Structures are given as C-alpha cells and as structure tokens.
Amino acid sequence: MSKEEIFNKIAEILADRFELKTEQITNTLNFKEDLNADSIDIVEFVLELEDTFGAEITDEAAENLVTVGDAVDYISEHQA
C-alpha cells in the first residue's frame, strides 16, 4: 500500500473520529495540539490503526506518533 493510500485511510479514520472534513487533514496535523486528542483518544486511534492496517504498534511507538505524517510513516514501514 502506498503512502498516499495509507494517508487517505488515516484521514478517513480521523475525519470520522474527530468530526473533520478530510480536506482539513494534512501530514503536519498534530493529534494533541490540533485535535485536542487526550490519551484515550490516542489509544483508540492506535487500536483502529492496528485493526485497519494489520500492523502492531507498541506503546513506545505509539508515543512517537505525534502527527499524521508520523502515523503514515510508521504504517508504511510496518504494514503486514
């Protein structure tokens, strides 16, 4: 799966979860600062990423997912 396809799927997840338009989502979008996501939001998002992409995301790796671009890069490198 290409990075563009991964980005589009992540954008769909975020748009649904945070009631955004997909056009508002960029690689630099910060989960905590821009979306006001709390730790529970982040955990649920990470679980959804794991389910969607079949990738296992460790707690340590999840802590490093700060922006949409971080998530795209991680999934790109670790997809099943």
C-alpha atoms as a PDB file:
ATOM      1  CA  MET A   1       0.000   0.000   0.000  1.00  0.00           C
ATOM      2  CA  SER A   2       1.406   3.397  -0.955  1.00  0.00           C
ATOM      3  CA  LYS A   3       1.918   6.268   1.485  1.00  0.00           C
ATOM      4  CA  GLU A   4      -0.868   8.146  -0.305  1.00  0.00           C
ATOM      5  CA  GLU A   5      -3.287   5.243   0.232  1.00  0.00           C
ATOM      6  CA  ILE A   6      -2.235   4.991   3.879  1.00  0.00           C
ATOM      7  CA  PHE A   7      -2.707   8.747   4.334  1.00  0.00           C
ATOM      8  CA  ASN A   8      -6.191   8.582   2.783  1.00  0.00           C
ATOM      9  CA  LYS A   9      -7.271   5.754   5.107  1.00  0.00           C
ATOM     10  CA  ILE A  10      -5.863   7.557   8.154  1.00  0.00           C
ATOM     11  CA  ALA A  11      -7.623  10.756   7.034  1.00  0.00           C
ATOM     12  CA  GLU A  12     -10.917   8.828   6.844  1.00  0.00           C
ATOM     13  CA  ILE A  13     -10.402   7.445  10.361  1.00  0.00           C
ATOM     14  CA  LEU A  14      -9.583  10.885  11.774  1.00  0.00           C
ATOM     15  CA  ALA A  15     -12.424  12.594   9.913  1.00  0.00           C
ATOM     16  CA  ASP A  16     -14.853  10.063  11.347  1.00  0.00           C
ATOM     17  CA  ARG A  17     -13.432  10.063  14.882  1.00  0.00           C
ATOM     18  CA  PHE A  18     -12.909  13.827  15.260  1.00  0.00           C
ATOM     19  CA  GLU A  19     -15.728  15.064  13.009  1.00  0.00           C
ATOM     20  CA  LEU A  20     -13.430  16.746  10.489  1.00  0.00           C
ATOM     21  CA  LYS A  21     -13.537  17.126   6.737  1.00  0.00           C
ATOM     22  CA  THR A  22     -10.806  15.083   5.069  1.00  0.00           C
ATOM     23  CA  GLU A  23      -9.589  18.277   3.358  1.00  0.00           C
ATOM     24  CA  GLN A  24      -8.624  19.620   6.809  1.00  0.00           C
ATOM     25  CA  ILE A  25      -6.221  16.751   7.420  1.00  0.00           C
ATOM     26  CA  THR A  26      -2.565  17.181   6.471  1.00  0.00           C
ATOM     27  CA  ASN A  27       0.651  15.336   7.273  1.00  0.00           C
ATOM     28  CA  THR A  28       1.561  18.046   9.793  1.00  0.00           C
ATOM     29  CA  LEU A  29      -1.709  17.797  11.736  1.00  0.00           C
ATOM     30  CA  ASN A  30      -0.766  17.231  15.390  1.00  0.00           C
ATOM     31  CA  PHE A  31      -3.072  14.870  17.280  1.00  0.00           C
ATOM     32  CA  LYS A  32      -2.772  16.549  20.673  1.00  0.00           C
ATOM     33  CA  GLU A  33      -2.303  20.193  19.670  1.00  0.00           C
ATOM     34  CA  ASP A  34      -4.579  20.423  16.622  1.00  0.00           C
ATOM     35  CA  LEU A  35      -7.230  17.862  17.550  1.00  0.00           C
ATOM     36  CA  ASN A  36      -7.068  18.210  21.341  1.00  0.00           C
ATOM     37  CA  ALA A  37      -6.830  14.423  21.499  1.00  0.00           C
ATOM     38  CA  ASP A  38      -6.400  13.047  25.000  1.00  0.00           C
ATOM     39  CA  SER A  39      -4.640   9.802  25.910  1.00  0.00           C
ATOM     40  CA  ILE A  40      -7.823   7.748  25.480  1.00  0.00           C
ATOM     41  CA  ASP A  41      -8.394   9.239  22.009  1.00  0.00           C
ATOM     42  CA  ILE A  42      -4.819   8.327  21.082  1.00  0.00           C
ATOM     43  CA  VAL A  43      -5.150   4.745  22.366  1.00  0.00           C
ATOM     44  CA  GLU A  44      -8.412   4.250  20.458  1.00  0.00           C
ATOM     45  CA  PHE A  45      -6.866   5.738  17.313  1.00  0.00           C
ATOM     46  CA  VAL A  46      -3.821   3.444  17.601  1.00  0.00           C
ATOM     47  CA  LEU A  47      -6.073   0.401  18.058  1.00  0.00           C
ATOM     48  CA  GLU A  48      -8.034   1.415  14.974  1.00  0.00           C
ATOM     49  CA  LEU A  49      -4.771   1.784  13.017  1.00  0.00           C
ATOM     50  CA  GLU A  50      -3.741  -1.710  14.099  1.00  0.00           C
ATOM     51  CA  ASP A  51      -7.099  -3.150  13.002  1.00  0.00           C
ATOM     52  CA  THR A  52      -7.168  -1.259   9.714  1.00  0.00           C
ATOM     53  CA  PHE A  53      -3.603  -1.925   8.609  1.00  0.00           C
ATOM     54  CA  GLY A  54      -2.754  -5.185  10.392  1.00  0.00           C
ATOM     55  CA  ALA A  55       0.283  -3.546  11.961  1.00  0.00           C
ATOM     56  CA  GLU A  56       1.271  -3.967  15.585  1.00  0.00           C
ATOM     57  CA  ILE A  57       2.080  -0.669  17.270  1.00  0.00           C
ATOM     58  CA  THR A  58       3.980  -0.883  20.539  1.00  0.00           C
ATOM     59  CA  ASP A  59       3.245   1.557  23.355  1.00  0.00           C
ATOM     60  CA  GLU A  60       6.650   3.140  22.795  1.00  0.00           C
ATOM     61  CA  ALA A  61       5.986   3.579  19.065  1.00  0.00           C
ATOM     62  CA  ALA A  62       2.520   4.987  19.783  1.00  0.00           C
ATOM     63  CA  GLU A  63       4.067   7.688  21.974  1.00  0.00           C
ATOM     64  CA  ASN A  64       6.109   8.803  18.961  1.00  0.00           C
ATOM     65  CA  LEU A  65       3.062   9.198  16.721  1.00  0.00           C
ATOM     66  CA  VAL A  66       2.616  12.942  17.102  1.00  0.00           C
ATOM     67  CA  THR A  67       1.410  13.928  13.633  1.00  0.00           C
ATOM     68  CA  VAL A  68      -0.496  12.323  10.783  1.00  0.00           C
ATOM     69  CA  GLY A  69       2.802  12.090   8.895  1.00  0.00           C
ATOM     70  CA  ASP A  70       4.330  10.111  11.766  1.00  0.00           C
ATOM     71  CA  ALA A  71       1.447   7.638  11.592  1.00  0.00           C
ATOM     72  CA  VAL A  72       1.722   7.334   7.792  1.00  0.00           C
ATOM     73  CA  ASP A  73       5.479   6.697   8.006  1.00  0.00           C
ATOM     74  CA  TYR A  74       5.085   4.116  10.780  1.00  0.00           C
ATOM     75  CA  ILE A  75       2.345   2.199   8.980  1.00  0.00           C
ATOM     76  CA  SER A  76       4.280   2.349   5.707  1.00  0.00           C
ATOM     77  CA  GLU A  77       7.280   0.746   7.398  1.00  0.00           C
ATOM     78  CA  HIS A  78       5.341  -1.819   9.472  1.00  0.00           C
ATOM     79  CA  GLN A  79       2.302  -2.865   7.433  1.00  0.00           C
ATOM     80  CA  ALA A  80       1.513  -6.552   7.271  1.00  0.00           C
END
